[in-house]
Amino acid sequence: MLGLLIPLSKIIGVNYRDHQAIAFLSVTKNQSVAAAIAVMALSPEASIVPALIPMVQP
């Protein structure tokens, strides 16, 4: 599935850095792991989304 998302990201204009952030969040089921990877790979601000997901999910 990730192999299909890279060409799709290029078509819709998502840069590689943002694509990787989206891929990490969608592939990992453990939110704490997703937050740690996002912080290490991108920046501390990237941890906001994985931290908020459990509050939004029913």
Protein backbone atom coordinates (compact mmCIF):
# COMPACT_ATOMS: atom_id res chain seq x y z
CA MET A 1 0.00 0.00 0.00
CA LEU A 2 2.81 2.43 0.77
CA GLY A 3 4.20 1.77 -2.70
CA LEU A 4 1.01 3.21 -4.16
CA LEU A 5 1.00 6.22 -1.89
CA ILE A 6 4.37 7.62 -2.98
CA PRO A 7 3.28 8.20 -6.61
CA LEU A 8 -0.07 9.52 -5.38
CA SER A 9 1.70 11.96 -3.08
CA LYS A 10 3.77 13.22 -6.01
CA ILE A 11 0.66 13.67 -8.14
CA ILE A 12 -1.16 15.72 -5.52
CA GLY A 13 1.97 17.69 -4.60
CA VAL A 14 2.79 16.39 -1.12
CA ASN A 15 6.50 16.67 -0.45
CA TYR A 16 8.50 13.67 0.75
CA ARG A 17 8.87 14.93 4.32
CA ASP A 18 5.12 15.38 4.77
CA HIS A 19 4.46 12.06 3.06
CA GLN A 20 6.71 10.26 5.54
CA ALA A 21 4.96 11.91 8.48
CA ILE A 22 1.59 10.77 7.15
CA ALA A 23 2.90 7.27 6.44
CA PHE A 24 4.34 6.84 9.93
CA LEU A 25 1.10 7.92 11.55
CA SER A 26 -1.10 5.74 9.38
CA VAL A 27 1.06 2.60 9.44
CA THR A 28 1.83 2.47 13.13
CA LYS A 29 -0.97 1.42 15.40
CA ASN A 30 0.78 2.45 18.58
CA GLN A 31 0.33 6.19 18.97
CA SER A 32 3.28 6.63 21.33
CA VAL A 33 5.61 5.05 18.77
CA ALA A 34 4.17 7.29 16.05
CA ALA A 35 4.71 10.36 18.22
CA ALA A 36 8.31 9.38 19.03
CA ILE A 37 9.14 8.74 15.36
CA ALA A 38 7.55 12.02 14.31
CA VAL A 39 9.50 13.99 16.91
CA MET A 40 12.80 12.33 16.02
CA ALA A 41 12.28 12.57 12.26
CA LEU A 42 10.66 15.99 12.01
CA SER A 43 10.24 18.32 14.98
CA PRO A 44 8.52 18.48 18.37
CA GLU A 45 5.48 20.10 16.75
CA ALA A 46 4.93 16.88 14.76
CA SER A 47 3.89 15.11 17.97
CA ILE A 48 0.72 17.19 18.28
CA VAL A 49 -1.29 15.09 15.82
CA PRO A 50 -0.52 11.67 17.36
CA ALA A 51 -1.22 13.12 20.80
CA LEU A 52 -4.65 14.41 19.73
CA ILE A 53 -5.81 11.33 17.80
CA PRO A 54 -6.92 9.35 20.89
CA MET A 55 -9.06 12.29 22.01
CA VAL A 56 -10.82 12.48 18.65
CA GLN A 57 -11.37 8.76 18.10
CA PRO A 58 -14.62 7.37 19.53
